[in-house]
Amino acid sequence: MRSTLARDLGSREITINNVQPGRIDTVMNPANGPMADQIRGSIALGRYGSGDDIAGLVAWLASPDAAFITGTSLKVDGGTSA
């Protein structure tokens, strides 16, 4: 679906990307929750992410600096999938 939209909307200079966040410290998924130590062990950076970690990427993707990026998925997971 992502690549189809990227192709369909590319001629209008509309970019389509997918941001895949990893463990983010939220009220529903706290960095000090009961499984937090075990989960942190699977994250290369050793910490949960923050909303700012995700927002920074999203802001960059929406900027002119990322105008040539489309049809891709970007993982922001602190290295969990590394």
Protein backbone atom coordinates (compact mmCIF):
# COMPACT_ATOMS: atom_id res chain seq x y z
CA MET A 1 0.00 0.00 0.00
CA ARG A 2 2.78 2.43 0.97
CA SER A 3 4.65 1.98 -2.33
CA THR A 4 1.41 2.23 -4.32
CA LEU A 5 0.56 5.54 -2.67
CA ALA A 6 4.11 6.79 -3.15
CA ARG A 7 3.88 6.05 -6.88
CA ASP A 8 0.36 7.46 -7.22
CA LEU A 9 1.14 10.70 -5.39
CA GLY A 10 4.78 11.20 -6.35
CA SER A 11 3.96 13.26 -9.42
CA ARG A 12 2.23 15.72 -7.08
CA GLU A 13 5.39 15.86 -4.91
CA ILE A 14 3.56 14.18 -2.04
CA THR A 15 5.74 11.74 -0.13
CA ILE A 16 4.47 8.64 1.66
CA ASN A 17 6.55 7.08 4.41
CA ASN A 18 5.97 4.83 7.38
CA VAL A 19 7.51 5.46 10.81
CA GLN A 20 7.81 2.34 12.96
CA PRO A 21 8.54 3.28 16.56
CA GLY A 22 9.97 0.82 19.03
CA ARG A 23 9.42 0.95 22.77
CA ILE A 24 8.41 4.49 23.69
CA ASP A 25 8.04 5.64 27.28
CA THR A 26 4.33 6.42 27.67
CA VAL A 27 1.70 6.12 30.36
CA MET A 28 0.55 2.81 28.85
CA ASN A 29 4.13 1.57 28.26
CA PRO A 30 6.25 3.06 31.05
CA ALA A 31 10.02 2.78 31.04
CA ASN A 32 9.77 1.76 34.70
CA GLY A 33 7.04 -0.86 34.20
CA PRO A 34 7.19 -4.46 35.43
CA MET A 35 8.94 -5.80 32.28
CA ALA A 36 11.02 -2.69 31.58
CA ASP A 37 14.41 -4.10 32.62
CA GLN A 38 13.96 -7.17 30.42
CA ILE A 39 12.75 -5.05 27.49
CA ARG A 40 15.64 -2.58 27.84
CA GLY A 41 17.99 -5.55 27.52
CA SER A 42 16.75 -6.10 23.95
CA ILE A 43 17.29 -2.46 22.92
CA ALA A 44 20.80 -1.70 21.59
CA LEU A 45 20.76 1.80 23.10
CA GLY A 46 19.58 0.36 26.43
CA ARG A 47 16.69 2.76 26.92
CA TYR A 48 13.11 3.38 25.92
CA GLY A 49 12.55 6.09 23.36
CA SER A 50 10.68 9.31 23.96
CA GLY A 51 8.01 11.12 22.02
CA ASP A 52 10.71 13.60 21.02
CA ASP A 53 12.71 10.78 19.40
CA ILE A 54 9.77 10.04 17.11
CA ALA A 55 8.75 13.66 16.61
CA GLY A 56 12.24 14.58 15.42
CA LEU A 57 12.08 12.04 12.61
CA VAL A 58 8.53 12.97 11.64
CA ALA A 59 9.44 16.67 11.54
CA TRP A 60 12.45 15.90 9.37
CA LEU A 61 10.36 13.75 7.00
CA ALA A 62 7.92 16.64 6.63
CA SER A 63 10.74 19.08 5.86
CA PRO A 64 12.26 19.96 2.48
CA ASP A 65 15.41 18.08 3.55
CA ALA A 66 13.53 14.79 3.07
CA ALA A 67 11.80 15.73 -0.19
CA PHE A 68 13.40 12.82 -2.08
CA ILE A 69 12.42 10.13 0.43
CA THR A 70 9.20 8.29 -0.31
CA GLY A 71 7.76 4.80 -0.18
CA THR A 72 9.92 3.65 2.72
CA SER A 73 9.60 2.44 6.29
CA LEU A 74 11.87 3.93 8.93
CA LYS A 75 12.38 2.12 12.22
CA VAL A 76 12.98 4.28 15.27
CA ASP A 77 13.55 1.55 17.81
CA GLY A 78 16.88 2.28 19.46
CA GLY A 79 18.40 -0.71 17.71
CA THR A 80 15.91 -3.36 18.80
CA SER A 81 15.82 -4.72 15.26
CA ALA A 82 19.61 -4.44 14.78
